[in-house]
Amino acid sequence: MSKALFLDRDGVINVEKEYLYKIEEFEFIDGIFELCHHYQEKGYLIVVVTNQSGIARGYYDEDDFSRLSEWMVDAFKEQGIDIAGIYYCPHHPDISGPCSCRKPQPGMLLDAAEMLDIDLKGSVMVGDKERDIEAALNAGVSTTYLFSHDTKVIETKATAVITQLKEAAC
């Protein structure tokens, strides 16, 4: 079994922009490539798990999401980083009803674990919202980092709150 570095997309890989699907609006967050290199060198798979309710809302479609994802994977490849998988939830409970994949539900992480033979307990999650942390914990991931620019985060279930991505490279 492999270990994985699970990453939320919006707010961890790229600067948070509402319903992002255009390549020209995508901005990588400082330190994301270094973080991925660190874990990849330690043998971790790099896996993206992302809620994409903009699909359910009709702001963009799955083809738009796929185009952006392919571009992002290529940008990582140019940096020597292999993305093992991108798992996404296109649902929104008020529009498409409840599902098992929308974080904080663990569905995306469980699917990745099954498809990529991942040891969830030995894996790591970096997210920028508490629902990312909860999804990881619900899946059995034991090390979680909440990436926040707010140093006054009081309550979190995360292993640690980080203000720079390099802080998750342990």
Protein backbone atom coordinates (compact mmCIF):
# COMPACT_ATOMS: atom_id res chain seq x y z
CA MET A 1 0.00 0.00 0.00
CA SER A 2 1.08 3.56 -0.72
CA LYS A 3 0.71 6.64 1.42
CA ALA A 4 -0.82 9.74 -0.10
CA LEU A 5 -0.65 13.48 0.29
CA PHE A 6 -4.26 14.52 -0.18
CA LEU A 7 -4.70 18.13 -1.27
CA ASP A 8 -7.79 20.25 -1.54
CA ARG A 9 -7.60 22.29 -4.74
CA ASP A 10 -9.12 25.75 -4.23
CA GLY A 11 -7.29 27.50 -1.41
CA VAL A 12 -4.41 24.99 -1.20
CA ILE A 13 -3.15 24.35 -4.73
CA ASN A 14 -4.50 27.57 -6.20
CA VAL A 15 -5.65 30.93 -4.90
CA GLU A 16 -9.32 30.69 -3.95
CA LYS A 17 -11.59 32.24 -6.58
CA GLU A 18 -15.29 31.50 -6.65
CA TYR A 19 -16.19 28.75 -9.10
CA LEU A 20 -12.82 28.71 -10.82
CA TYR A 21 -12.75 26.88 -14.15
CA LYS A 22 -10.74 29.17 -16.46
CA ILE A 23 -7.04 28.47 -16.93
CA GLU A 24 -6.22 32.17 -17.25
CA GLU A 25 -7.62 32.79 -13.74
CA PHE A 26 -5.67 29.95 -12.08
CA GLU A 27 -2.83 31.05 -9.73
CA PHE A 28 -0.69 28.50 -7.89
CA ILE A 29 -0.16 29.15 -4.19
CA ASP A 30 3.45 29.75 -3.14
CA GLY A 31 5.03 26.58 -1.83
CA ILE A 32 2.68 24.03 -3.41
CA PHE A 33 5.35 22.57 -5.71
CA GLU A 34 7.91 22.36 -2.91
CA LEU A 35 5.40 20.65 -0.64
CA CYS A 36 4.53 18.09 -3.32
CA HIS A 37 8.22 17.46 -4.10
CA HIS A 38 8.88 16.82 -0.42
CA TYR A 39 6.15 14.20 -0.12
CA GLN A 40 6.76 12.67 -3.54
CA GLU A 41 10.42 12.13 -2.63
CA LYS A 42 9.25 10.32 0.51
CA GLY A 43 7.18 7.96 -1.67
CA TYR A 44 3.76 9.53 -1.21
CA LEU A 45 1.23 9.68 -4.03
CA ILE A 46 -0.14 13.17 -4.69
CA VAL A 47 -3.96 13.12 -4.83
CA VAL A 48 -6.35 16.04 -5.28
CA VAL A 49 -9.79 15.90 -3.63
CA THR A 50 -12.03 18.85 -4.42
CA ASN A 51 -15.66 19.90 -4.04
CA GLN A 52 -16.85 21.44 -7.31
CA SER A 53 -20.42 22.59 -6.69
CA GLY A 54 -20.09 25.03 -9.59
CA ILE A 55 -20.94 22.06 -11.82
CA ALA A 56 -24.25 21.42 -10.01
CA ARG A 57 -24.94 25.15 -10.02
CA GLY A 58 -24.46 25.29 -13.81
CA TYR A 59 -21.58 27.80 -13.69
CA TYR A 60 -19.38 25.39 -15.66
CA ASP A 61 -19.58 21.79 -16.77
CA GLU A 62 -17.50 18.65 -16.30
CA ASP A 63 -15.68 19.28 -19.59
CA ASP A 64 -14.58 22.71 -18.31
CA PHE A 65 -13.39 21.10 -15.08
CA SER A 66 -11.53 18.38 -17.02
CA ARG A 67 -9.75 20.94 -19.23
CA LEU A 68 -8.55 22.90 -16.22
CA SER A 69 -7.53 19.70 -14.42
CA GLU A 70 -5.50 18.47 -17.41
CA TRP A 71 -3.75 21.82 -17.63
CA MET A 72 -3.00 21.73 -13.89
CA VAL A 73 -1.62 18.16 -14.07
CA ASP A 74 0.65 19.24 -16.94
CA ALA A 75 1.88 22.23 -14.90
CA PHE A 76 2.75 19.86 -12.05
CA LYS A 77 4.52 17.51 -14.50
CA GLU A 78 6.64 20.45 -15.70
CA GLN A 79 7.77 20.78 -12.07
CA GLY A 80 8.59 17.04 -11.86
CA ILE A 81 5.48 16.16 -9.85
CA ASP A 82 3.07 13.36 -10.75
CA ILE A 83 -0.55 13.79 -9.72
CA ALA A 84 -1.80 10.25 -9.09
CA GLY A 85 -5.45 11.22 -9.25
CA ILE A 86 -8.00 14.00 -9.10
CA TYR A 87 -11.26 13.17 -7.35
CA TYR A 88 -14.07 15.68 -7.37
CA CYS A 89 -17.61 16.07 -6.18
CA PRO A 90 -19.83 17.83 -8.74
CA HIS A 91 -22.81 17.92 -6.36
CA HIS A 92 -24.46 20.42 -4.08
CA PRO A 93 -26.98 19.13 -1.51
CA ASP A 94 -29.52 21.90 -2.23
CA ILE A 95 -29.42 21.23 -5.98
CA SER A 96 -28.54 17.59 -6.63
CA GLY A 97 -29.33 16.18 -3.19
CA PRO A 98 -27.07 14.54 -0.63
CA CYS A 99 -24.10 12.43 -1.70
CA SER A 100 -21.26 10.50 -0.11
CA CYS A 101 -18.50 12.37 -1.94
CA ARG A 102 -18.99 16.01 -0.93
CA LYS A 103 -16.59 16.90 1.86
CA PRO A 104 -16.95 16.52 4.85
CA GLN A 105 -18.13 13.11 3.66
CA PRO A 106 -15.15 10.80 3.03
CA GLY A 107 -16.24 9.42 -0.36
CA MET A 108 -13.51 10.94 -2.52
CA LEU A 109 -10.73 9.81 -0.18
CA LEU A 110 -12.22 6.32 0.14
CA ASP A 111 -12.52 6.04 -3.66
CA ALA A 112 -8.90 7.14 -4.08
CA ALA A 113 -7.77 4.66 -1.43
CA GLU A 114 -9.54 1.81 -3.19
CA MET A 115 -8.43 2.73 -6.71
CA LEU A 116 -4.82 3.62 -5.84
CA ASP A 117 -4.24 1.14 -2.98
CA ILE A 118 -3.64 3.88 -0.41
CA ASP A 119 -2.94 3.39 3.29
CA LEU A 120 -5.26 6.08 4.67
CA LYS A 121 -3.94 5.92 8.24
CA GLY A 122 -0.42 6.69 7.01
CA SER A 123 -1.55 9.47 4.69
CA VAL A 124 -1.69 13.25 5.08
CA MET A 125 -4.37 15.82 4.21
CA VAL A 126 -3.86 19.53 3.59
CA GLY A 127 -7.04 21.57 3.34
CA ASP A 128 -8.10 25.15 3.89
CA LYS A 129 -11.53 24.45 5.37
CA GLU A 130 -12.65 22.42 8.33
CA ARG A 131 -14.74 20.22 6.01
CA ASP A 132 -11.47 19.09 4.35
CA ILE A 133 -10.11 18.06 7.72
CA GLU A 134 -13.35 16.32 8.68
CA ALA A 135 -13.43 14.37 5.40
CA ALA A 136 -9.90 13.15 6.01
CA LEU A 137 -10.66 12.16 9.60
CA ASN A 138 -13.89 10.45 8.47
CA ALA A 139 -11.79 8.42 6.01
CA GLY A 140 -9.22 7.45 8.64
CA VAL A 141 -6.39 9.83 7.70
CA SER A 142 -4.46 10.55 10.88
CA THR A 143 -2.33 13.59 9.94
CA THR A 144 -4.18 16.69 8.83
CA TYR A 145 -3.13 20.29 8.26
CA LEU A 146 -5.49 23.23 8.09
CA PHE A 147 -3.89 25.85 5.81
CA SER A 148 -5.10 29.25 6.92
CA HIS A 149 -3.95 32.83 6.62
CA ASP A 150 -5.85 33.50 9.83
CA THR A 151 -3.47 32.70 12.66
CA LYS A 152 -6.33 33.01 15.15
CA VAL A 153 -8.13 29.81 14.12
CA ILE A 154 -9.41 28.67 17.49
CA GLU A 155 -11.25 25.43 16.89
CA THR A 156 -10.13 22.77 14.47
CA LYS A 157 -9.84 19.01 14.46
CA ALA A 158 -6.64 19.29 12.40
CA THR A 159 -3.30 18.00 13.65
CA ALA A 160 -1.96 21.53 13.14
CA VAL A 161 -2.84 24.90 11.63
CA ILE A 162 -0.28 26.15 9.13
CA THR A 163 0.09 29.56 7.53
CA GLN A 164 2.60 28.48 4.89
CA LEU A 165 2.51 25.23 2.93
CA LYS A 166 6.12 24.39 3.80
CA GLU A 167 5.01 23.92 7.41
CA ALA A 168 3.27 20.68 6.35
CA ALA A 169 6.57 19.23 5.09
CA CYS A 170 7.59 17.15 8.05
